[in-house]
Amino acid sequence: MSEQRWLVVGLGNPEAEYGATRHNVGADALRVLSQRHRTSLSRNKRVRAEVAETVIAGDRVVLALPTCWMNESGGPVQSAAKWYDVAADRLIVIHDDLDLEIGTIRCKQGGGHAGHNGLRDIDRALGSRDYHRVRVGIGRPPGRQPGKDYVLRRFPPRDRELVDVALQHAADCVETIVTQGIAVAQNVHNGTVG
């Protein structure tokens, strides 16, 4: 078993108010991983997140769900990385992406935040952009609807099945990054599901 851990973070807003919204697909994908690996997320006040530890193909992995607003994710991510002694290049952040169609998954390492305030806050807190990202497409808002209103709404029933499949693929992508690296994950998972 590898001594170094991976840290996987699912971004979202508080579940009680914003569960199943577009902005919470990162948190939803993290819950898929938690269920898949038969772990239970529990509150860790030191890192301000719900966390669970598991093993994926011999690698120790910490799953973390910040218990704050999306735009304040940097503090909990930095705290979790420090607490579990995880470098930025062993951090995977799962998040929503307006620039990708619903059902599209893209993963990469490094890059900008593209206006995503959760990523912006993580970049600021870590002082690095060298972490992995699993981007889950939520599509663009219709007409002139502001992006901030669009991301806080739930998916219409016609899109829900595709989103549920995409969450499974996002979890698959995380597992591939951990076990085979980002290049393989990009070749296997970057694309539209369904």
N, C-alpha and C. Protein backbone atom coordinates (compact mmCIF):
# COMPACT_ATOMS: atom_id res chain seq x y z
N MET A 1 0.84 -1.19 0.00
CA MET A 1 0.00 0.00 0.00
C MET A 1 0.89 1.25 0.00
N SER A 2 0.53 2.20 -0.83
CA SER A 2 1.28 3.45 -0.92
C SER A 2 1.15 4.25 0.36
N GLU A 3 2.26 4.84 0.80
CA GLU A 3 2.22 5.68 2.01
C GLU A 3 1.58 7.03 1.73
N GLN A 4 1.76 7.54 0.51
CA GLN A 4 1.18 8.84 0.17
C GLN A 4 -0.31 8.68 -0.09
N ARG A 5 -1.08 9.66 0.38
CA ARG A 5 -2.52 9.63 0.18
C ARG A 5 -2.90 10.48 -1.02
N TRP A 6 -4.09 10.21 -1.53
CA TRP A 6 -4.79 11.10 -2.45
C TRP A 6 -5.89 11.79 -1.66
N LEU A 7 -6.21 13.00 -2.03
CA LEU A 7 -7.35 13.72 -1.46
C LEU A 7 -8.30 14.04 -2.60
N VAL A 8 -9.55 13.59 -2.48
CA VAL A 8 -10.57 13.84 -3.49
C VAL A 8 -11.64 14.71 -2.86
N VAL A 9 -11.89 15.87 -3.46
CA VAL A 9 -12.84 16.84 -2.92
C VAL A 9 -13.99 17.02 -3.90
N GLY A 10 -15.21 16.94 -3.40
CA GLY A 10 -16.40 17.22 -4.20
C GLY A 10 -16.95 18.58 -3.81
N LEU A 11 -17.04 19.49 -4.77
CA LEU A 11 -17.51 20.84 -4.47
C LEU A 11 -19.04 20.94 -4.55
N GLY A 12 -19.58 21.76 -3.67
CA GLY A 12 -21.02 22.01 -3.66
C GLY A 12 -21.37 22.99 -2.56
N ASN A 13 -22.63 23.35 -2.51
CA ASN A 13 -23.16 24.19 -1.44
C ASN A 13 -23.83 23.29 -0.41
N PRO A 14 -24.22 23.83 0.75
CA PRO A 14 -24.86 23.00 1.78
C PRO A 14 -26.02 22.18 1.23
N GLU A 15 -25.99 20.88 1.49
CA GLU A 15 -26.92 19.91 0.92
C GLU A 15 -28.37 20.18 1.30
N ALA A 16 -28.61 20.58 2.54
CA ALA A 16 -29.99 20.78 3.00
C ALA A 16 -30.74 21.77 2.11
N GLU A 17 -30.05 22.79 1.68
CA GLU A 17 -30.68 23.84 0.88
C GLU A 17 -30.49 23.64 -0.62
N TYR A 18 -29.34 23.09 -1.00
CA TYR A 18 -28.97 23.06 -2.42
C TYR A 18 -28.71 21.67 -2.98
N GLY A 19 -29.16 20.65 -2.29
CA GLY A 19 -28.98 19.28 -2.79
C GLY A 19 -29.60 19.10 -4.16
N ALA A 20 -28.93 18.34 -5.01
CA ALA A 20 -29.39 18.00 -6.36
C ALA A 20 -29.42 19.18 -7.33
N THR A 21 -28.79 20.31 -6.96
CA THR A 21 -28.70 21.43 -7.89
C THR A 21 -27.49 21.24 -8.81
N ARG A 22 -27.45 22.02 -9.86
CA ARG A 22 -26.34 21.92 -10.82
C ARG A 22 -24.99 22.18 -10.16
N HIS A 23 -24.96 23.13 -9.23
CA HIS A 23 -23.70 23.52 -8.59
C HIS A 23 -23.18 22.41 -7.68
N ASN A 24 -24.02 21.43 -7.35
CA ASN A 24 -23.63 20.40 -6.39
C ASN A 24 -23.22 19.08 -7.04
N VAL A 25 -23.03 19.05 -8.36
CA VAL A 25 -22.68 17.77 -8.99
C VAL A 25 -21.33 17.23 -8.50
N GLY A 26 -20.42 18.11 -8.13
CA GLY A 26 -19.14 17.64 -7.58
C GLY A 26 -19.35 16.89 -6.27
N ALA A 27 -20.16 17.46 -5.39
CA ALA A 27 -20.48 16.80 -4.13
C ALA A 27 -21.24 15.50 -4.38
N ASP A 28 -22.14 15.51 -5.35
CA ASP A 28 -22.91 14.30 -5.67
C ASP A 28 -21.99 13.18 -6.18
N ALA A 29 -21.02 13.53 -7.01
CA ALA A 29 -20.08 12.52 -7.52
C ALA A 29 -19.22 11.97 -6.39
N LEU A 30 -18.85 12.82 -5.43
CA LEU A 30 -18.09 12.34 -4.29
C LEU A 30 -18.91 11.35 -3.46
N ARG A 31 -20.19 11.62 -3.32
CA ARG A 31 -21.05 10.68 -2.59
C ARG A 31 -21.16 9.34 -3.33
N VAL A 32 -21.16 9.39 -4.66
CA VAL A 32 -21.15 8.15 -5.45
C VAL A 32 -19.89 7.34 -5.10
N LEU A 33 -18.74 8.01 -5.06
CA LEU A 33 -17.49 7.33 -4.70
C LEU A 33 -17.56 6.75 -3.30
N SER A 34 -18.10 7.50 -2.36
CA SER A 34 -18.23 7.04 -0.99
C SER A 34 -19.09 5.78 -0.91
N GLN A 35 -20.22 5.79 -1.59
CA GLN A 35 -21.10 4.62 -1.60
C GLN A 35 -20.43 3.43 -2.29
N ARG A 36 -19.77 3.70 -3.39
CA ARG A 36 -19.10 2.64 -4.16
C ARG A 36 -18.06 1.92 -3.31
N HIS A 37 -17.37 2.67 -2.47
CA HIS A 37 -16.30 2.10 -1.64
C HIS A 37 -16.75 1.80 -0.22
N ARG A 38 -18.07 1.83 -0.02
CA ARG A 38 -18.70 1.46 1.25
C ARG A 38 -18.11 2.20 2.44
N THR A 39 -17.98 3.51 2.27
CA THR A 39 -17.51 4.36 3.36
C THR A 39 -18.61 5.34 3.73
N SER A 40 -18.52 5.85 4.92
CA SER A 40 -19.49 6.85 5.39
C SER A 40 -18.75 8.15 5.67
N LEU A 41 -19.26 9.21 5.09
CA LEU A 41 -18.69 10.52 5.35
C LEU A 41 -19.09 10.97 6.75
N SER A 42 -18.13 11.46 7.51
CA SER A 42 -18.44 11.98 8.84
C SER A 42 -17.70 13.29 9.05
N ARG A 43 -18.26 14.11 9.88
CA ARG A 43 -17.76 15.47 10.06
C ARG A 43 -16.40 15.48 10.75
N ASN A 44 -15.46 16.20 10.17
CA ASN A 44 -14.16 16.46 10.77
C ASN A 44 -14.08 17.96 10.96
N LYS A 45 -14.28 18.41 12.20
CA LYS A 45 -14.31 19.85 12.47
C LYS A 45 -12.98 20.53 12.21
N ARG A 46 -11.89 19.80 12.33
CA ARG A 46 -10.58 20.41 12.11
C ARG A 46 -10.40 20.87 10.67
N VAL A 47 -10.97 20.13 9.73
CA VAL A 47 -10.81 20.50 8.32
C VAL A 47 -12.07 21.11 7.73
N ARG A 48 -13.11 21.24 8.53
CA ARG A 48 -14.39 21.82 8.09
C ARG A 48 -14.95 21.11 6.87
N ALA A 49 -14.97 19.78 6.99
CA ALA A 49 -15.48 18.96 5.89
C ALA A 49 -15.99 17.64 6.45
N GLU A 50 -16.85 17.00 5.68
CA GLU A 50 -17.20 15.61 5.95
C GLU A 50 -16.17 14.77 5.21
N VAL A 51 -15.60 13.80 5.89
CA VAL A 51 -14.52 13.02 5.29
C VAL A 51 -14.75 11.52 5.48
N ALA A 52 -14.12 10.76 4.63
CA ALA A 52 -14.08 9.30 4.73
C ALA A 52 -12.75 8.85 4.15
N GLU A 53 -12.18 7.79 4.71
CA GLU A 53 -10.95 7.24 4.19
C GLU A 53 -11.23 5.87 3.59
N THR A 54 -10.57 5.61 2.46
CA THR A 54 -10.75 4.34 1.78
C THR A 54 -9.44 3.97 1.09
N VAL A 55 -9.44 2.82 0.42
CA VAL A 55 -8.30 2.37 -0.36
C VAL A 55 -8.81 2.04 -1.75
N ILE A 56 -8.13 2.57 -2.77
CA ILE A 56 -8.48 2.27 -4.16
C ILE A 56 -7.24 1.65 -4.79
N ALA A 57 -7.34 0.36 -5.10
CA ALA A 57 -6.25 -0.38 -5.74
C ALA A 57 -4.91 -0.17 -5.03
N GLY A 58 -4.92 -0.22 -3.71
CA GLY A 58 -3.69 -0.10 -2.94
C GLY A 58 -3.29 1.31 -2.58
N ASP A 59 -4.00 2.31 -3.09
CA ASP A 59 -3.71 3.70 -2.74
C ASP A 59 -4.69 4.20 -1.68
N ARG A 60 -4.14 4.82 -0.64
CA ARG A 60 -4.99 5.42 0.40
C ARG A 60 -5.60 6.70 -0.15
N VAL A 61 -6.91 6.83 0.03
CA VAL A 61 -7.65 7.97 -0.52
C VAL A 61 -8.56 8.55 0.55
N VAL A 62 -8.50 9.87 0.68
CA VAL A 62 -9.41 10.59 1.57
C VAL A 62 -10.45 11.28 0.71
N LEU A 63 -11.71 11.04 0.99
CA LEU A 63 -12.81 11.72 0.32
C LEU A 63 -13.25 12.86 1.22
N ALA A 64 -13.44 14.05 0.66
CA ALA A 64 -13.79 15.22 1.48
C ALA A 64 -14.87 16.05 0.82
N LEU A 65 -15.81 16.44 1.63
CA LEU A 65 -16.93 17.26 1.20
C LEU A 65 -16.96 18.50 2.10
N PRO A 66 -16.45 19.66 1.64
CA PRO A 66 -16.45 20.85 2.48
C PRO A 66 -17.86 21.17 2.99
N THR A 67 -17.93 21.62 4.24
CA THR A 67 -19.23 21.93 4.86
C THR A 67 -19.46 23.43 4.86
N CYS A 68 -19.12 24.08 3.78
CA CYS A 68 -19.24 25.53 3.68
C CYS A 68 -19.88 25.86 2.33
N TRP A 69 -19.99 27.13 2.04
CA TRP A 69 -20.45 27.56 0.73
C TRP A 69 -19.37 27.27 -0.30
N MET A 70 -19.80 27.00 -1.50
CA MET A 70 -18.89 26.70 -2.61
C MET A 70 -17.76 27.73 -2.72
N ASN A 71 -18.11 29.00 -2.61
CA ASN A 71 -17.13 30.08 -2.81
C ASN A 71 -16.09 30.17 -1.69
N GLU A 72 -16.29 29.39 -0.61
CA GLU A 72 -15.36 29.39 0.52
C GLU A 72 -14.65 28.05 0.64
N SER A 73 -14.55 27.31 -0.45
CA SER A 73 -13.99 25.96 -0.42
C SER A 73 -12.49 25.92 -0.15
N GLY A 74 -11.80 27.00 -0.44
CA GLY A 74 -10.34 27.00 -0.31
C GLY A 74 -9.83 26.66 1.08
N GLY A 75 -10.44 27.24 2.10
CA GLY A 75 -10.00 26.98 3.48
C GLY A 75 -10.09 25.52 3.85
N PRO A 76 -11.26 24.88 3.68
CA PRO A 76 -11.35 23.46 3.99
C PRO A 76 -10.43 22.58 3.15
N VAL A 77 -10.27 22.90 1.87
CA VAL A 77 -9.38 22.09 1.02
C VAL A 77 -7.94 22.22 1.51
N GLN A 78 -7.51 23.44 1.81
CA GLN A 78 -6.16 23.65 2.33
C GLN A 78 -5.98 22.92 3.67
N SER A 79 -6.98 23.03 4.54
CA SER A 79 -6.89 22.36 5.85
C SER A 79 -6.81 20.84 5.70
N ALA A 80 -7.63 20.28 4.81
CA ALA A 80 -7.62 18.83 4.59
C ALA A 80 -6.29 18.39 4.00
N ALA A 81 -5.77 19.16 3.04
CA ALA A 81 -4.48 18.81 2.43
C ALA A 81 -3.37 18.82 3.48
N LYS A 82 -3.41 19.79 4.38
CA LYS A 82 -2.40 19.88 5.43
C LYS A 82 -2.59 18.75 6.45
N TRP A 83 -3.82 18.54 6.90
CA TRP A 83 -4.11 17.54 7.92
C TRP A 83 -3.71 16.13 7.46
N TYR A 84 -4.01 15.82 6.20
CA TYR A 84 -3.72 14.48 5.67
C TYR A 84 -2.39 14.42 4.91
N ASP A 85 -1.64 15.52 4.92
CA ASP A 85 -0.32 15.59 4.29
C ASP A 85 -0.38 15.19 2.81
N VAL A 86 -1.20 15.94 2.06
CA VAL A 86 -1.40 15.67 0.64
C VAL A 86 -0.90 16.87 -0.17
N ALA A 87 -0.01 16.62 -1.12
CA ALA A 87 0.51 17.68 -1.99
C ALA A 87 -0.53 18.00 -3.06
N ALA A 88 -0.42 19.18 -3.66
CA ALA A 88 -1.39 19.62 -4.67
C ALA A 88 -1.50 18.64 -5.84
N ASP A 89 -0.39 17.99 -6.21
CA ASP A 89 -0.45 17.08 -7.36
C ASP A 89 -1.11 15.73 -7.02
N ARG A 90 -1.55 15.57 -5.77
CA ARG A 90 -2.31 14.38 -5.37
C ARG A 90 -3.70 14.77 -4.88
N LEU A 91 -4.13 15.95 -5.28
CA LEU A 91 -5.47 16.45 -4.99
C LEU A 91 -6.31 16.37 -6.25
N ILE A 92 -7.54 15.86 -6.11
CA ILE A 92 -8.49 15.81 -7.21
C ILE A 92 -9.74 16.55 -6.77
N VAL A 93 -10.15 17.55 -7.54
CA VAL A 93 -11.36 18.33 -7.23
C VAL A 93 -12.41 18.03 -8.29
N ILE A 94 -13.59 17.61 -7.86
CA ILE A 94 -14.71 17.35 -8.77
C ILE A 94 -15.64 18.55 -8.70
N HIS A 95 -16.00 19.11 -9.86
CA HIS A 95 -16.82 20.32 -9.84
C HIS A 95 -17.68 20.44 -11.10
N ASP A 96 -18.67 21.30 -11.01
CA ASP A 96 -19.55 21.59 -12.15
C ASP A 96 -18.84 22.50 -13.14
N ASP A 97 -19.29 22.43 -14.40
CA ASP A 97 -18.69 23.26 -15.44
C ASP A 97 -19.76 23.72 -16.42
N LEU A 98 -19.99 25.03 -16.45
CA LEU A 98 -20.97 25.64 -17.36
C LEU A 98 -20.59 25.51 -18.83
N ASP A 99 -19.30 25.39 -19.10
CA ASP A 99 -18.83 25.38 -20.48
C ASP A 99 -18.92 24.01 -21.14
N LEU A 100 -19.35 23.00 -20.39
CA LEU A 100 -19.51 21.66 -20.94
C LEU A 100 -20.98 21.29 -20.97
N GLU A 101 -21.39 20.63 -22.04
CA GLU A 101 -22.78 20.19 -22.15
C GLU A 101 -23.11 19.19 -21.05
N ILE A 102 -24.37 19.09 -20.70
CA ILE A 102 -24.81 18.14 -19.70
C ILE A 102 -24.40 16.73 -20.13
N GLY A 103 -23.79 16.01 -19.20
CA GLY A 103 -23.36 14.65 -19.49
C GLY A 103 -21.94 14.54 -20.00
N THR A 104 -21.22 15.65 -20.10
CA THR A 104 -19.84 15.63 -20.56
C THR A 104 -18.90 15.63 -19.36
N ILE A 105 -17.88 14.81 -19.43
CA ILE A 105 -16.85 14.74 -18.39
C ILE A 105 -15.52 15.11 -19.03
N ARG A 106 -14.76 15.92 -18.34
CA ARG A 106 -13.40 16.27 -18.76
C ARG A 106 -12.52 16.28 -17.52
N CYS A 107 -11.33 15.73 -17.65
CA CYS A 107 -10.39 15.81 -16.54
C CYS A 107 -9.08 16.40 -17.04
N LYS A 108 -8.38 17.05 -16.13
CA LYS A 108 -7.10 17.65 -16.48
C LYS A 108 -6.34 17.93 -15.19
N GLN A 109 -5.08 18.28 -15.35
CA GLN A 109 -4.29 18.72 -14.21
C GLN A 109 -3.85 20.15 -14.48
N GLY A 110 -4.03 21.00 -13.48
CA GLY A 110 -3.64 22.40 -13.60
C GLY A 110 -4.62 23.20 -14.44
N GLY A 111 -4.28 24.44 -14.69
CA GLY A 111 -5.12 25.32 -15.49
C GLY A 111 -5.79 26.39 -14.64
N GLY A 112 -6.59 27.21 -15.31
CA GLY A 112 -7.27 28.31 -14.64
C GLY A 112 -8.59 27.89 -14.04
N HIS A 113 -9.25 28.86 -13.42
CA HIS A 113 -10.53 28.58 -12.76
C HIS A 113 -11.72 28.84 -13.67
N ALA A 114 -11.52 29.51 -14.80
CA ALA A 114 -12.58 29.79 -15.78
C ALA A 114 -13.80 30.45 -15.14
N GLY A 115 -13.56 31.30 -14.14
CA GLY A 115 -14.66 32.01 -13.50
C GLY A 115 -15.38 31.23 -12.41
N HIS A 116 -14.95 30.00 -12.14
CA HIS A 116 -15.58 29.18 -11.10
C HIS A 116 -15.06 29.64 -9.74
N ASN A 117 -15.94 30.19 -8.93
CA ASN A 117 -15.50 30.79 -7.67
C ASN A 117 -14.98 29.78 -6.65
N GLY A 118 -15.47 28.55 -6.69
CA GLY A 118 -14.92 27.53 -5.81
C GLY A 118 -13.48 27.23 -6.15
N LEU A 119 -13.19 27.07 -7.44
CA LEU A 119 -11.81 26.83 -7.87
C LEU A 119 -10.93 28.04 -7.59
N ARG A 120 -11.46 29.22 -7.81
CA ARG A 120 -10.71 30.45 -7.55
C ARG A 120 -10.25 30.48 -6.08
N ASP A 121 -11.17 30.12 -5.18
CA ASP A 121 -10.83 30.14 -3.75
C ASP A 121 -9.82 29.05 -3.41
N ILE A 122 -9.91 27.90 -4.05
CA ILE A 122 -8.92 26.83 -3.82
C ILE A 122 -7.55 27.27 -4.33
N ASP A 123 -7.50 27.85 -5.52
CA ASP A 123 -6.23 28.36 -6.06
C ASP A 123 -5.58 29.32 -5.08
N ARG A 124 -6.40 30.24 -4.56
CA ARG A 124 -5.89 31.25 -3.62
C ARG A 124 -5.37 30.59 -2.34
N ALA A 125 -6.13 29.68 -1.78
CA ALA A 125 -5.76 29.06 -0.51
C ALA A 125 -4.53 28.16 -0.64
N LEU A 126 -4.45 27.41 -1.73
CA LEU A 126 -3.31 26.50 -1.92
C LEU A 126 -2.08 27.21 -2.44
N GLY A 127 -2.28 28.33 -3.14
CA GLY A 127 -1.16 28.99 -3.79
C GLY A 127 -0.63 28.15 -4.95
N SER A 128 -1.49 27.29 -5.47
CA SER A 128 -1.10 26.39 -6.56
C SER A 128 -2.33 26.04 -7.39
N ARG A 129 -2.08 25.80 -8.67
CA ARG A 129 -3.14 25.30 -9.56
C ARG A 129 -2.79 23.90 -10.07
N ASP A 130 -1.83 23.27 -9.44
CA ASP A 130 -1.30 22.01 -9.94
C ASP A 130 -2.10 20.79 -9.51
N TYR A 131 -3.34 20.99 -9.14
CA TYR A 131 -4.18 19.86 -8.74
C TYR A 131 -4.99 19.36 -9.95
N HIS A 132 -5.55 18.17 -9.79
CA HIS A 132 -6.37 17.55 -10.84
C HIS A 132 -7.80 18.05 -10.70
N ARG A 133 -8.48 18.14 -11.84
CA ARG A 133 -9.88 18.54 -11.85
C ARG A 133 -10.68 17.53 -12.66
N VAL A 134 -11.82 17.15 -12.13
CA VAL A 134 -12.79 16.35 -12.88
C VAL A 134 -13.99 17.27 -13.07
N ARG A 135 -14.18 17.68 -14.31
CA ARG A 135 -15.22 18.66 -14.65
C ARG A 135 -16.46 17.93 -15.13
N VAL A 136 -17.60 18.25 -14.51
CA VAL A 136 -18.87 17.62 -14.86
C VAL A 136 -19.74 18.67 -15.54
N GLY A 137 -20.07 18.45 -16.80
CA GLY A 137 -20.83 19.43 -17.57
C GLY A 137 -22.25 19.60 -17.07
N ILE A 138 -22.65 20.87 -16.95
CA ILE A 138 -24.04 21.19 -16.55
C ILE A 138 -24.73 22.03 -17.62
N GLY A 139 -24.03 22.37 -18.70
CA GLY A 139 -24.63 23.16 -19.77
C GLY A 139 -24.72 24.64 -19.45
N ARG A 140 -24.99 25.42 -20.47
CA ARG A 140 -25.12 26.88 -20.34
C ARG A 140 -26.56 27.24 -19.99
N PRO A 141 -26.76 28.35 -19.28
CA PRO A 141 -28.13 28.79 -19.00
C PRO A 141 -28.86 29.19 -20.27
N PRO A 142 -30.16 28.95 -20.31
CA PRO A 142 -30.92 29.33 -21.50
C PRO A 142 -31.10 30.85 -21.58
N GLY A 143 -31.16 31.35 -22.79
CA GLY A 143 -31.43 32.78 -23.00
C GLY A 143 -30.46 33.67 -22.25
N ARG A 144 -31.04 34.60 -21.50
CA ARG A 144 -30.21 35.57 -20.77
C ARG A 144 -30.20 35.30 -19.26
N GLN A 145 -30.58 34.09 -18.88
CA GLN A 145 -30.58 33.76 -17.46
C GLN A 145 -29.16 33.85 -16.90
N PRO A 146 -28.98 34.57 -15.79
CA PRO A 146 -27.64 34.68 -15.20
C PRO A 146 -27.12 33.31 -14.75
N GLY A 147 -25.82 33.09 -14.95
CA GLY A 147 -25.20 31.83 -14.56
C GLY A 147 -25.40 31.52 -13.09
N LYS A 148 -25.33 32.55 -12.24
CA LYS A 148 -25.46 32.30 -10.79
C LYS A 148 -26.84 31.78 -10.42
N ASP A 149 -27.87 32.17 -11.15
CA ASP A 149 -29.21 31.64 -10.88
C ASP A 149 -29.34 30.22 -11.44
N TYR A 150 -28.78 30.00 -12.60
CA TYR A 150 -28.87 28.71 -13.28
C TYR A 150 -28.22 27.60 -12.45
N VAL A 151 -27.02 27.86 -11.91
CA VAL A 151 -26.29 26.79 -11.21
C VAL A 151 -26.96 26.40 -9.90
N LEU A 152 -27.79 27.27 -9.34
CA LEU A 152 -28.44 26.98 -8.06
C LEU A 152 -29.80 26.31 -8.23
N ARG A 153 -30.15 25.96 -9.45
CA ARG A 153 -31.43 25.26 -9.72
C ARG A 153 -31.19 23.78 -9.94
N ARG A 154 -32.25 23.02 -9.71
CA ARG A 154 -32.17 21.57 -9.93
C ARG A 154 -32.32 21.27 -11.42
N PHE A 155 -31.81 20.12 -11.81
CA PHE A 155 -31.94 19.69 -13.20
C PHE A 155 -33.39 19.33 -13.48
N PRO A 156 -33.89 19.64 -14.67
CA PRO A 156 -35.24 19.18 -15.03
C PRO A 156 -35.23 17.65 -15.18
N PRO A 157 -36.38 17.03 -14.98
CA PRO A 157 -36.45 15.56 -15.06
C PRO A 157 -35.85 14.98 -16.34
N ARG A 158 -35.98 15.68 -17.47
CA ARG A 158 -35.47 15.15 -18.74
C ARG A 158 -33.95 15.01 -18.72
N ASP A 159 -33.25 15.77 -17.86
CA ASP A 159 -31.79 15.72 -17.79
C ASP A 159 -31.27 14.85 -16.65
N ARG A 160 -32.12 14.53 -15.69
CA ARG A 160 -31.66 13.87 -14.47
C ARG A 160 -31.00 12.52 -14.72
N GLU A 161 -31.56 11.71 -15.61
CA GLU A 161 -30.98 10.39 -15.88
C GLU A 161 -29.57 10.52 -16.46
N LEU A 162 -29.38 11.45 -17.39
CA LEU A 162 -28.06 11.67 -17.97
C LEU A 162 -27.08 12.16 -16.92
N VAL A 163 -27.53 13.03 -16.03
CA VAL A 163 -26.67 13.53 -14.96
C VAL A 163 -26.25 12.39 -14.04
N ASP A 164 -27.18 11.51 -13.69
CA ASP A 164 -26.85 10.38 -12.83
C ASP A 164 -25.80 9.47 -13.46
N VAL A 165 -25.88 9.27 -14.76
CA VAL A 165 -24.87 8.48 -15.47
C VAL A 165 -23.53 9.23 -15.45
N ALA A 166 -23.57 10.54 -15.66
CA ALA A 166 -22.35 11.35 -15.65
C ALA A 166 -21.66 11.30 -14.28
N LEU A 167 -22.43 11.26 -13.20
CA LEU A 167 -21.84 11.17 -11.86
C LEU A 167 -21.07 9.86 -11.70
N GLN A 168 -21.61 8.77 -12.24
CA GLN A 168 -20.91 7.49 -12.19
C GLN A 168 -19.60 7.57 -12.99
N HIS A 169 -19.66 8.22 -14.15
CA HIS A 169 -18.46 8.37 -14.98
C HIS A 169 -17.43 9.29 -14.31
N ALA A 170 -17.89 10.30 -13.60
CA ALA A 170 -16.96 11.17 -12.86
C ALA A 170 -16.24 10.36 -11.79
N ALA A 171 -16.98 9.49 -11.10
CA ALA A 171 -16.36 8.62 -10.09
C ALA A 171 -15.36 7.68 -10.75
N ASP A 172 -15.72 7.12 -11.91
CA ASP A 172 -14.79 6.27 -12.65
C ASP A 172 -13.51 7.03 -12.99
N CYS A 173 -13.67 8.27 -13.40
CA CYS A 173 -12.53 9.10 -13.79
C CYS A 173 -11.58 9.31 -12.60
N VAL A 174 -12.14 9.59 -11.44
CA VAL A 174 -11.31 9.75 -10.23
C VAL A 174 -10.51 8.47 -9.99
N GLU A 175 -11.18 7.33 -10.05
CA GLU A 175 -10.49 6.07 -9.81
C GLU A 175 -9.37 5.83 -10.82
N THR A 176 -9.59 6.22 -12.07
CA THR A 176 -8.56 6.05 -13.09
C THR A 176 -7.38 6.97 -12.84
N ILE A 177 -7.64 8.21 -12.42
CA ILE A 177 -6.52 9.12 -12.09
C ILE A 177 -5.67 8.51 -10.99
N VAL A 178 -6.31 7.98 -9.95
CA VAL A 178 -5.60 7.40 -8.82
C VAL A 178 -4.80 6.17 -9.25
N THR A 179 -5.39 5.32 -10.05
CA THR A 179 -4.76 4.03 -10.36
C THR A 179 -3.84 4.05 -11.58
N GLN A 180 -4.14 4.93 -12.57
CA GLN A 180 -3.39 4.88 -13.82
C GLN A 180 -2.85 6.23 -14.29
N GLY A 181 -3.23 7.30 -13.63
CA GLY A 181 -2.71 8.62 -13.98
C GLY A 181 -3.64 9.42 -14.86
N ILE A 182 -3.32 10.70 -14.96
CA ILE A 182 -4.20 11.66 -15.65
C ILE A 182 -4.25 11.40 -17.15
N ALA A 183 -3.14 11.01 -17.77
CA ALA A 183 -3.15 10.81 -19.23
C ALA A 183 -4.11 9.69 -19.62
N VAL A 184 -4.08 8.60 -18.88
CA VAL A 184 -5.00 7.49 -19.17
C VAL A 184 -6.44 7.94 -18.90
N ALA A 185 -6.64 8.64 -17.79
CA ALA A 185 -8.00 9.11 -17.46
C ALA A 185 -8.55 10.00 -18.57
N GLN A 186 -7.73 10.88 -19.12
CA GLN A 186 -8.18 11.75 -20.21
C GLN A 186 -8.55 10.94 -21.44
N ASN A 187 -7.74 9.95 -21.79
CA ASN A 187 -8.02 9.13 -22.97
C ASN A 187 -9.29 8.30 -22.80
N VAL A 188 -9.54 7.82 -21.60
CA VAL A 188 -10.67 6.93 -21.35
C VAL A 188 -11.96 7.69 -21.08
N HIS A 189 -11.89 8.77 -20.33
CA HIS A 189 -13.10 9.39 -19.79
C HIS A 189 -13.51 10.73 -20.41
N ASN A 190 -12.61 11.46 -21.04
CA ASN A 190 -12.99 12.75 -21.59
C ASN A 190 -13.98 12.55 -22.74
N GLY A 191 -15.18 13.05 -22.55
CA GLY A 191 -16.20 12.91 -23.59
C GLY A 191 -17.58 12.99 -23.01
N THR A 192 -18.57 12.70 -23.85
CA THR A 192 -19.98 12.75 -23.44
C THR A 192 -20.44 11.35 -23.13
N VAL A 193 -21.16 11.21 -22.03
CA VAL A 193 -21.68 9.90 -21.65
C VAL A 193 -23.05 9.69 -22.28
N GLY A 194 -23.47 8.45 -22.30
CA GLY A 194 -24.82 8.16 -22.77
C GLY A 194 -24.94 7.99 -24.19
